[in-house]
N, C-alpha and C. Protein backbone atom coordinates (compact mmCIF):
# COMPACT_ATOMS: atom_id res chain seq x y z
N UNK A 1 58.11 160.40 33.29
CA UNK A 1 58.54 159.63 32.08
C UNK A 1 58.46 158.13 32.42
N UNK A 2 59.08 157.71 33.49
CA UNK A 2 59.17 156.28 33.80
C UNK A 2 57.84 155.69 34.29
N UNK A 3 56.95 156.55 34.77
CA UNK A 3 55.69 156.07 35.24
C UNK A 3 54.70 155.73 34.18
N UNK A 4 55.02 156.06 32.93
CA UNK A 4 54.12 155.77 31.82
C UNK A 4 54.37 154.37 31.35
N UNK A 5 53.33 153.62 31.08
CA UNK A 5 53.49 152.19 30.70
C UNK A 5 54.22 152.02 29.40
N UNK A 6 54.05 153.04 28.47
CA UNK A 6 54.75 152.85 27.19
C UNK A 6 56.27 152.94 27.32
N UNK A 7 56.74 153.61 28.35
CA UNK A 7 58.18 153.61 28.64
C UNK A 7 58.68 152.19 28.94
N UNK A 8 57.87 151.48 29.74
CA UNK A 8 58.22 150.12 30.07
C UNK A 8 58.22 149.22 28.83
N UNK A 9 57.17 149.41 27.97
CA UNK A 9 57.10 148.63 26.72
C UNK A 9 58.32 148.96 25.82
N UNK A 10 58.70 150.19 25.70
CA UNK A 10 59.84 150.54 24.86
C UNK A 10 61.16 149.99 25.48
N UNK A 11 61.27 149.98 26.80
CA UNK A 11 62.46 149.41 27.38
C UNK A 11 62.52 147.90 27.13
N UNK A 12 61.41 147.22 27.26
CA UNK A 12 61.36 145.79 26.97
C UNK A 12 61.70 145.52 25.49
N UNK A 13 61.18 146.33 24.61
CA UNK A 13 61.53 146.23 23.20
C UNK A 13 63.00 146.44 22.95
N UNK A 14 63.61 147.38 23.68
CA UNK A 14 65.01 147.66 23.57
C UNK A 14 65.80 146.43 23.98
N UNK A 15 65.39 145.76 25.06
CA UNK A 15 66.10 144.55 25.51
C UNK A 15 65.93 143.43 24.52
N UNK A 16 64.70 143.31 23.97
CA UNK A 16 64.49 142.20 22.98
C UNK A 16 65.35 142.44 21.74
N UNK A 17 65.47 143.60 21.26
CA UNK A 17 66.25 143.88 20.04
C UNK A 17 67.72 143.79 20.32
N UNK A 18 68.10 144.14 21.54
CA UNK A 18 69.52 143.99 21.94
C UNK A 18 69.89 142.50 21.96
N UNK A 19 69.00 141.69 22.48
CA UNK A 19 69.25 140.25 22.50
C UNK A 19 69.18 139.65 21.03
N UNK A 20 68.33 140.21 20.25
CA UNK A 20 68.22 139.77 18.86
C UNK A 20 69.54 140.04 18.13
N UNK A 21 70.18 141.15 18.47
CA UNK A 21 71.44 141.51 17.77
C UNK A 21 72.51 140.41 18.02
N UNK A 22 72.42 139.79 19.25
CA UNK A 22 73.41 138.77 19.59
C UNK A 22 73.12 137.46 18.89
N UNK A 23 71.92 137.17 18.54
CA UNK A 23 71.60 135.82 17.94
C UNK A 23 71.23 135.94 16.46
N UNK A 24 71.25 137.15 15.86
CA UNK A 24 70.90 137.27 14.48
C UNK A 24 71.87 136.54 13.57
N UNK A 25 71.37 135.87 12.57
CA UNK A 25 72.26 134.98 11.73
C UNK A 25 73.10 135.76 10.73
N UNK A 26 72.75 136.93 10.28
CA UNK A 26 73.48 137.67 9.30
C UNK A 26 73.83 139.11 9.75
N UNK A 27 74.84 139.70 9.11
CA UNK A 27 75.27 141.03 9.44
C UNK A 27 74.19 142.12 9.19
N UNK A 28 73.47 142.10 8.09
CA UNK A 28 72.36 143.10 7.93
C UNK A 28 71.32 143.05 9.05
N UNK A 29 71.03 141.84 9.51
CA UNK A 29 70.02 141.70 10.57
C UNK A 29 70.61 142.18 11.84
N UNK A 30 71.90 141.97 12.09
CA UNK A 30 72.51 142.49 13.31
C UNK A 30 72.46 143.97 13.37
N UNK A 31 72.85 144.62 12.23
CA UNK A 31 72.82 146.08 12.14
C UNK A 31 71.44 146.60 12.30
N UNK A 32 70.45 145.90 11.67
CA UNK A 32 69.05 146.37 11.88
C UNK A 32 68.57 146.21 13.26
N UNK A 33 69.01 145.16 13.97
CA UNK A 33 68.59 144.95 15.34
C UNK A 33 69.18 146.02 16.26
N UNK A 34 70.45 146.34 16.07
CA UNK A 34 71.03 147.41 16.87
C UNK A 34 70.42 148.74 16.59
N UNK A 35 70.13 149.02 15.32
CA UNK A 35 69.49 150.30 14.96
C UNK A 35 68.09 150.37 15.58
N UNK A 36 67.34 149.30 15.49
CA UNK A 36 65.96 149.27 16.10
C UNK A 36 66.06 149.46 17.58
N UNK A 37 67.06 148.86 18.24
CA UNK A 37 67.20 148.94 19.70
C UNK A 37 67.46 150.41 20.08
N UNK A 38 68.39 151.03 19.35
CA UNK A 38 68.73 152.43 19.66
C UNK A 38 67.57 153.40 19.41
N UNK A 39 66.86 153.16 18.36
CA UNK A 39 65.68 154.02 18.09
C UNK A 39 64.60 153.84 19.10
N UNK A 40 64.43 152.60 19.57
CA UNK A 40 63.47 152.31 20.60
C UNK A 40 63.88 153.02 21.89
N UNK A 41 65.13 152.97 22.26
CA UNK A 41 65.62 153.72 23.47
C UNK A 41 65.49 155.19 23.26
N UNK A 42 65.77 155.75 22.07
CA UNK A 42 65.58 157.15 21.85
C UNK A 42 64.19 157.63 21.87
N UNK A 43 63.31 156.78 21.47
CA UNK A 43 61.82 157.11 21.46
C UNK A 43 61.30 157.38 22.89
N UNK A 44 61.94 156.77 23.84
CA UNK A 44 61.50 157.00 25.23
C UNK A 44 61.57 158.46 25.61
N UNK A 45 62.65 159.12 25.10
CA UNK A 45 62.91 160.51 25.49
C UNK A 45 62.09 161.52 24.67
N UNK A 46 61.17 161.05 23.80
CA UNK A 46 60.24 161.92 23.12
C UNK A 46 58.90 162.06 23.84
N UNK A 47 58.92 161.86 25.15
CA UNK A 47 57.65 161.78 25.90
C UNK A 47 56.91 163.09 25.86
N UNK A 48 57.50 164.23 25.58
CA UNK A 48 56.75 165.49 25.50
C UNK A 48 56.13 165.68 24.12
N UNK A 49 56.50 164.83 23.16
CA UNK A 49 55.94 164.96 21.82
C UNK A 49 55.28 163.63 21.50
N UNK A 50 54.10 163.44 22.07
CA UNK A 50 53.40 162.16 21.93
C UNK A 50 53.08 161.76 20.51
N UNK A 51 52.58 162.61 19.63
CA UNK A 51 52.36 162.16 18.26
C UNK A 51 53.60 161.67 17.52
N UNK A 52 54.73 162.39 17.75
CA UNK A 52 56.02 161.94 17.14
C UNK A 52 56.43 160.61 17.69
N UNK A 53 56.22 160.44 19.02
CA UNK A 53 56.59 159.20 19.67
C UNK A 53 55.75 158.03 19.12
N UNK A 54 54.47 158.30 18.91
CA UNK A 54 53.56 157.22 18.32
C UNK A 54 54.02 156.89 16.91
N UNK A 55 54.41 157.93 16.14
CA UNK A 55 54.82 157.66 14.78
C UNK A 55 56.09 156.80 14.80
N UNK A 56 57.03 157.09 15.71
CA UNK A 56 58.29 156.27 15.76
C UNK A 56 57.88 154.82 16.15
N UNK A 57 56.92 154.61 17.06
CA UNK A 57 56.51 153.28 17.44
C UNK A 57 55.93 152.57 16.27
N UNK A 58 55.07 153.25 15.52
CA UNK A 58 54.48 152.56 14.34
C UNK A 58 55.53 152.21 13.29
N UNK A 59 56.51 153.11 13.08
CA UNK A 59 57.60 152.78 12.17
C UNK A 59 58.44 151.63 12.63
N UNK A 60 58.64 151.56 13.93
CA UNK A 60 59.37 150.42 14.51
C UNK A 60 58.60 149.11 14.35
N UNK A 61 57.33 149.20 14.47
CA UNK A 61 56.44 148.02 14.20
C UNK A 61 56.66 147.54 12.74
N UNK A 62 56.67 148.47 11.81
CA UNK A 62 56.93 148.16 10.40
C UNK A 62 58.31 147.56 10.22
N UNK A 63 59.28 148.10 10.95
CA UNK A 63 60.64 147.55 10.89
C UNK A 63 60.70 146.11 11.42
N UNK A 64 59.91 145.84 12.46
CA UNK A 64 59.83 144.52 13.02
C UNK A 64 59.24 143.50 12.02
N UNK A 65 58.23 143.96 11.28
CA UNK A 65 57.66 143.10 10.26
C UNK A 65 58.62 142.84 9.13
N UNK A 66 59.36 143.88 8.72
CA UNK A 66 60.38 143.72 7.68
C UNK A 66 61.47 142.78 8.19
N UNK A 67 61.83 142.90 9.41
CA UNK A 67 62.83 142.04 10.05
C UNK A 67 62.40 140.59 9.98
N UNK A 68 61.09 140.33 10.26
CA UNK A 68 60.56 138.97 10.17
C UNK A 68 60.62 138.44 8.77
N UNK A 69 60.34 139.30 7.79
CA UNK A 69 60.40 138.88 6.39
C UNK A 69 61.82 138.53 5.99
N UNK A 70 62.76 139.40 6.44
CA UNK A 70 64.19 139.12 6.15
C UNK A 70 64.65 137.83 6.80
N UNK A 71 64.16 137.54 7.98
CA UNK A 71 64.49 136.27 8.63
C UNK A 71 63.97 135.11 7.81
N UNK A 72 62.74 135.26 7.22
CA UNK A 72 62.25 134.16 6.42
C UNK A 72 63.04 133.98 5.12
N UNK A 73 63.55 135.12 4.58
CA UNK A 73 64.35 135.02 3.35
C UNK A 73 65.67 134.43 3.64
N UNK A 74 66.33 134.80 4.73
CA UNK A 74 67.62 134.28 5.04
C UNK A 74 67.61 132.90 5.58
N UNK A 75 66.41 132.36 5.90
CA UNK A 75 66.35 131.05 6.44
C UNK A 75 66.75 130.03 5.38
N UNK A 76 67.79 129.36 5.67
CA UNK A 76 68.25 128.29 4.76
C UNK A 76 68.88 127.16 5.62
N UNK A 77 69.42 126.20 4.97
CA UNK A 77 69.98 125.03 5.67
C UNK A 77 71.10 125.31 6.58
N UNK A 78 71.93 126.37 6.34
CA UNK A 78 73.08 126.56 7.14
C UNK A 78 72.78 127.33 8.41
N UNK A 79 71.62 127.98 8.56
CA UNK A 79 71.27 128.61 9.77
C UNK A 79 70.68 127.64 10.77
N UNK A 80 71.27 127.51 11.95
CA UNK A 80 70.71 126.52 12.93
C UNK A 80 69.26 126.93 13.30
N UNK A 81 68.44 125.94 13.46
CA UNK A 81 66.99 126.23 13.74
C UNK A 81 66.81 126.91 15.08
N UNK A 82 67.68 126.62 16.06
CA UNK A 82 67.52 127.26 17.37
C UNK A 82 67.79 128.75 17.24
N UNK A 83 68.78 129.18 16.51
CA UNK A 83 69.07 130.55 16.24
C UNK A 83 67.90 131.23 15.61
N UNK A 84 67.34 130.60 14.59
CA UNK A 84 66.16 131.17 13.95
C UNK A 84 65.00 131.32 14.91
N UNK A 85 64.72 130.34 15.72
CA UNK A 85 63.61 130.40 16.64
C UNK A 85 63.80 131.54 17.64
N UNK A 86 65.00 131.69 18.16
CA UNK A 86 65.27 132.79 19.08
C UNK A 86 65.18 134.15 18.36
N UNK A 87 65.63 134.24 17.19
CA UNK A 87 65.60 135.48 16.41
C UNK A 87 64.13 135.87 16.14
N UNK A 88 63.31 134.99 15.73
CA UNK A 88 61.90 135.22 15.47
C UNK A 88 61.22 135.57 16.79
N UNK A 89 61.51 134.89 17.86
CA UNK A 89 60.89 135.17 19.11
C UNK A 89 61.20 136.58 19.63
N UNK A 90 62.42 136.97 19.59
CA UNK A 90 62.82 138.31 20.02
C UNK A 90 62.21 139.38 19.08
N UNK A 91 62.15 139.14 17.86
CA UNK A 91 61.53 140.14 16.94
C UNK A 91 60.06 140.27 17.18
N UNK A 92 59.36 139.13 17.33
CA UNK A 92 57.93 139.18 17.64
C UNK A 92 57.65 139.89 18.96
N UNK A 93 58.47 139.58 19.95
CA UNK A 93 58.31 140.22 21.24
C UNK A 93 58.45 141.77 21.14
N UNK A 94 59.49 142.20 20.45
CA UNK A 94 59.75 143.62 20.29
C UNK A 94 58.65 144.30 19.48
N UNK A 95 58.20 143.65 18.42
CA UNK A 95 57.10 144.21 17.63
C UNK A 95 55.86 144.34 18.40
N UNK A 96 55.53 143.32 19.22
CA UNK A 96 54.35 143.43 20.06
C UNK A 96 54.45 144.55 21.10
N UNK A 97 55.67 144.69 21.67
CA UNK A 97 55.84 145.80 22.65
C UNK A 97 55.74 147.17 21.93
N UNK A 98 56.21 147.31 20.76
CA UNK A 98 56.08 148.56 20.09
C UNK A 98 54.63 148.83 19.72
N UNK A 99 53.90 147.80 19.37
CA UNK A 99 52.46 147.97 19.07
C UNK A 99 51.73 148.44 20.39
N UNK A 100 52.01 147.78 21.51
CA UNK A 100 51.36 148.17 22.77
C UNK A 100 51.77 149.57 23.14
N UNK A 101 53.00 149.96 22.97
CA UNK A 101 53.42 151.31 23.32
C UNK A 101 52.72 152.32 22.45
N UNK A 102 52.61 152.03 21.19
CA UNK A 102 51.83 152.97 20.29
C UNK A 102 50.42 153.12 20.75
N UNK A 103 49.74 152.04 21.09
CA UNK A 103 48.37 152.15 21.59
C UNK A 103 48.29 152.96 22.90
N UNK A 104 49.25 152.77 23.79
CA UNK A 104 49.26 153.54 25.04
C UNK A 104 49.50 154.99 24.78
N UNK A 105 50.42 155.29 23.89
CA UNK A 105 50.73 156.72 23.59
C UNK A 105 49.51 157.42 22.99
N UNK A 106 48.85 156.75 22.07
CA UNK A 106 47.62 157.33 21.45
C UNK A 106 46.51 157.48 22.47
N UNK A 107 46.46 156.55 23.44
CA UNK A 107 45.46 156.69 24.52
C UNK A 107 45.74 157.94 25.38
N UNK A 108 47.07 158.16 25.70
CA UNK A 108 47.44 159.32 26.46
C UNK A 108 47.11 160.62 25.69
N UNK A 109 47.39 160.55 24.42
CA UNK A 109 47.15 161.80 23.59
C UNK A 109 45.65 162.07 23.55
N UNK A 110 44.83 161.07 23.44
CA UNK A 110 43.37 161.25 23.40
C UNK A 110 42.92 161.82 24.78
N UNK A 111 43.46 161.32 25.86
CA UNK A 111 43.13 161.86 27.19
C UNK A 111 43.49 163.32 27.32
N UNK A 112 44.71 163.66 26.90
CA UNK A 112 45.15 165.06 26.98
C UNK A 112 44.28 165.95 26.16
N UNK A 113 43.93 165.57 24.98
CA UNK A 113 43.05 166.34 24.09
C UNK A 113 41.65 166.51 24.69
N UNK A 114 41.14 165.51 25.33
CA UNK A 114 39.83 165.61 25.96
C UNK A 114 39.84 166.55 27.15
N UNK A 115 40.98 166.55 27.87
CA UNK A 115 41.09 167.51 28.98
C UNK A 115 41.24 168.94 28.50
N UNK A 116 41.94 169.13 27.42
CA UNK A 116 42.09 170.46 26.86
C UNK A 116 40.75 171.00 26.37
N UNK A 117 39.88 170.11 25.89
CA UNK A 117 38.57 170.52 25.40
C UNK A 117 37.67 170.97 26.56
N UNK A 118 37.82 170.37 27.74
CA UNK A 118 37.05 170.71 28.89
C UNK A 118 37.35 172.09 29.41
N UNK A 119 38.62 172.51 29.35
CA UNK A 119 39.04 173.78 29.90
C UNK A 119 38.46 174.90 29.18
C-alpha cells in the first residue's frame, strides 16, 4: 500500500487540505476542507479497489475546483489577502495531488489488466 506513488500523493493532499482547514476564511470552507481531507485519507485504504479509488480521486478533484470557486465567491474586502493566497495555494496543491493520484491509479489498473490478458 505505502509503496504505491498514489498513496504518497493522497497523503500530501490530506496534509494540504488539513492545512487549508486552518486558514480557510469561512465555516463552510473549513467543513469542506476537513471533509476533503478525511475522504482523501480514506481513499488510501481502497487500494484493492482501484477503479473506485480512481473515482474518489476524480470526485475530490471536482471538489477542489468547487472549493476554488467558493474561495473566489467569498473573496471580499474583509478577508486578508494572505489568508486567501494560502487557501488558494493549499487547494491547488491538493487538487494537483488528487489529479496525479488518479493518473497513477489508472496506470496501475491498465498494467494489471494487461497482465491478466497475457495469462
